[in-house]
C-alpha atoms as a PDB file:
ATOM      1  CA  UNK A   1     -66.811 -30.097 -56.692  1.00  0.00           C
ATOM      2  CA  UNK A   2     -64.979 -27.179 -55.075  1.00  0.00           C
ATOM      3  CA  UNK A   3     -63.059 -27.432 -51.834  1.00  0.00           C
ATOM      4  CA  UNK A   4     -65.660 -25.283 -50.080  1.00  0.00           C
ATOM      5  CA  UNK A   5     -68.535 -27.502 -51.218  1.00  0.00           C
ATOM      6  CA  UNK A   6     -66.614 -30.617 -50.148  1.00  0.00           C
ATOM      7  CA  UNK A   7     -65.964 -29.107 -46.711  1.00  0.00           C
ATOM      8  CA  UNK A   8     -69.635 -28.183 -46.387  1.00  0.00           C
ATOM      9  CA  UNK A   9     -70.673 -31.701 -47.428  1.00  0.00           C
ATOM     10  CA  UNK A  10     -68.306 -33.123 -44.827  1.00  0.00           C
ATOM     11  CA  UNK A  11     -69.843 -30.791 -42.228  1.00  0.00           C
ATOM     12  CA  UNK A  12     -73.340 -31.986 -43.123  1.00  0.00           C
ATOM     13  CA  UNK A  13     -72.228 -35.618 -42.813  1.00  0.00           C
ATOM     14  CA  UNK A  14     -70.647 -34.964 -39.421  1.00  0.00           C
ATOM     15  CA  UNK A  15     -73.828 -33.273 -38.175  1.00  0.00           C
ATOM     16  CA  UNK A  16     -75.752 -36.408 -39.195  1.00  0.00           C
ATOM     17  CA  UNK A  17     -73.268 -38.618 -37.357  1.00  0.00           C
ATOM     18  CA  UNK A  18     -73.540 -36.392 -34.277  1.00  0.00           C
ATOM     19  CA  UNK A  19     -77.336 -36.677 -34.347  1.00  0.00           C
ATOM     20  CA  UNK A  20     -77.174 -40.457 -34.782  1.00  0.00           C
ATOM     21  CA  UNK A  21     -74.795 -40.860 -31.853  1.00  0.00           C
ATOM     22  CA  UNK A  22     -77.031 -38.685 -29.696  1.00  0.00           C
ATOM     23  CA  UNK A  23     -80.097 -40.704 -30.643  1.00  0.00           C
ATOM     24  CA  UNK A  24     -78.354 -43.984 -29.916  1.00  0.00           C
ATOM     25  CA  UNK A  25     -77.113 -42.687 -26.559  1.00  0.00           C
ATOM     26  CA  UNK A  26     -80.651 -41.735 -25.586  1.00  0.00           C
ATOM     27  CA  UNK A  27     -82.128 -45.089 -26.653  1.00  0.00           C
ATOM     28  CA  UNK A  28     -79.585 -47.487 -25.176  1.00  0.00           C
ATOM     29  CA  UNK A  29     -80.135 -48.852 -21.709  1.00  0.00           C
ATOM     30  CA  UNK A  30     -76.594 -50.026 -21.003  1.00  0.00           C
ATOM     31  CA  UNK A  31     -74.911 -47.322 -18.916  1.00  0.00           C
ATOM     32  CA  UNK A  32     -71.402 -47.929 -20.281  1.00  0.00           C
ATOM     33  CA  UNK A  33     -72.617 -47.886 -23.879  1.00  0.00           C
ATOM     34  CA  UNK A  34     -74.618 -44.737 -23.197  1.00  0.00           C
ATOM     35  CA  UNK A  35     -71.521 -43.013 -21.803  1.00  0.00           C
ATOM     36  CA  UNK A  36     -69.330 -44.155 -24.707  1.00  0.00           C
ATOM     37  CA  UNK A  37     -71.868 -42.960 -27.278  1.00  0.00           C
ATOM     38  CA  UNK A  38     -72.259 -39.630 -25.503  1.00  0.00           C
ATOM     39  CA  UNK A  39     -68.487 -39.135 -25.288  1.00  0.00           C
ATOM     40  CA  UNK A  40     -68.153 -39.946 -28.996  1.00  0.00           C
ATOM     41  CA  UNK A  41     -70.926 -37.493 -29.805  1.00  0.00           C
ATOM     42  CA  UNK A  42     -69.097 -34.769 -27.866  1.00  0.00           C
ATOM     43  CA  UNK A  43     -65.878 -35.405 -29.812  1.00  0.00           C
ATOM     44  CA  UNK A  44     -67.773 -35.167 -33.102  1.00  0.00           C
ATOM     45  CA  UNK A  45     -69.448 -31.986 -31.820  1.00  0.00           C
ATOM     46  CA  UNK A  46     -66.019 -30.404 -31.281  1.00  0.00           C
ATOM     47  CA  UNK A  47     -65.037 -31.312 -34.847  1.00  0.00           C
ATOM     48  CA  UNK A  48     -68.316 -29.841 -36.146  1.00  0.00           C
ATOM     49  CA  UNK A  49     -67.641 -26.605 -34.269  1.00  0.00           C
ATOM     50  CA  UNK A  50     -64.113 -26.360 -35.679  1.00  0.00           C
ATOM     51  CA  UNK A  51     -65.290 -27.162 -39.194  1.00  0.00           C
ATOM     52  CA  UNK A  52     -68.005 -24.477 -39.005  1.00  0.00           C
ATOM     53  CA  UNK A  53     -65.263 -21.970 -38.222  1.00  0.00           C
ATOM     54  CA  UNK A  54     -63.262 -23.203 -41.203  1.00  0.00           C
ATOM     55  CA  UNK A  55     -66.282 -22.814 -43.500  1.00  0.00           C
ATOM     56  CA  UNK A  56     -66.582 -19.211 -42.313  1.00  0.00           C
ATOM     57  CA  UNK A  57     -62.895 -18.653 -43.053  1.00  0.00           C
ATOM     58  CA  UNK A  58     -63.286 -20.154 -46.519  1.00  0.00           C
ATOM     59  CA  UNK A  59     -66.237 -17.900 -47.251  1.00  0.00           C
ATOM     60  CA  UNK A  60     -64.352 -14.793 -46.073  1.00  0.00           C
ATOM     61  CA  UNK A  61     -61.144 -15.693 -47.899  1.00  0.00           C
ATOM     62  CA  UNK A  62     -62.733 -16.990 -51.070  1.00  0.00           C
ATOM     63  CA  UNK A  63     -65.738 -14.837 -51.951  1.00  0.00           C
ATOM     64  CA  UNK A  64     -66.739 -17.170 -54.785  1.00  0.00           C
ATOM     65  CA  UNK A  65     -67.443 -19.918 -52.200  1.00  0.00           C
ATOM     66  CA  UNK A  66     -69.994 -17.870 -50.268  1.00  0.00           C
ATOM     67  CA  UNK A  67     -73.379 -19.562 -50.173  1.00  0.00           C
ATOM     68  CA  UNK A  68     -72.287 -22.962 -51.508  1.00  0.00           C
END
């Protein structure tokens, strides 16, 4: 597996984690838990955003990785 495909797999996993945290935050009734889950989701969202940028850089720098 290439570095680019590993980074993209990691990105996909993080998007799934972000969605799970969001879902849990919406379903929980405990206010403190809801806030903690939401805050965690926002941190993961920042990582997802940064990783998307890195994928773009990889694709620009390494043409062979484009589309993986």
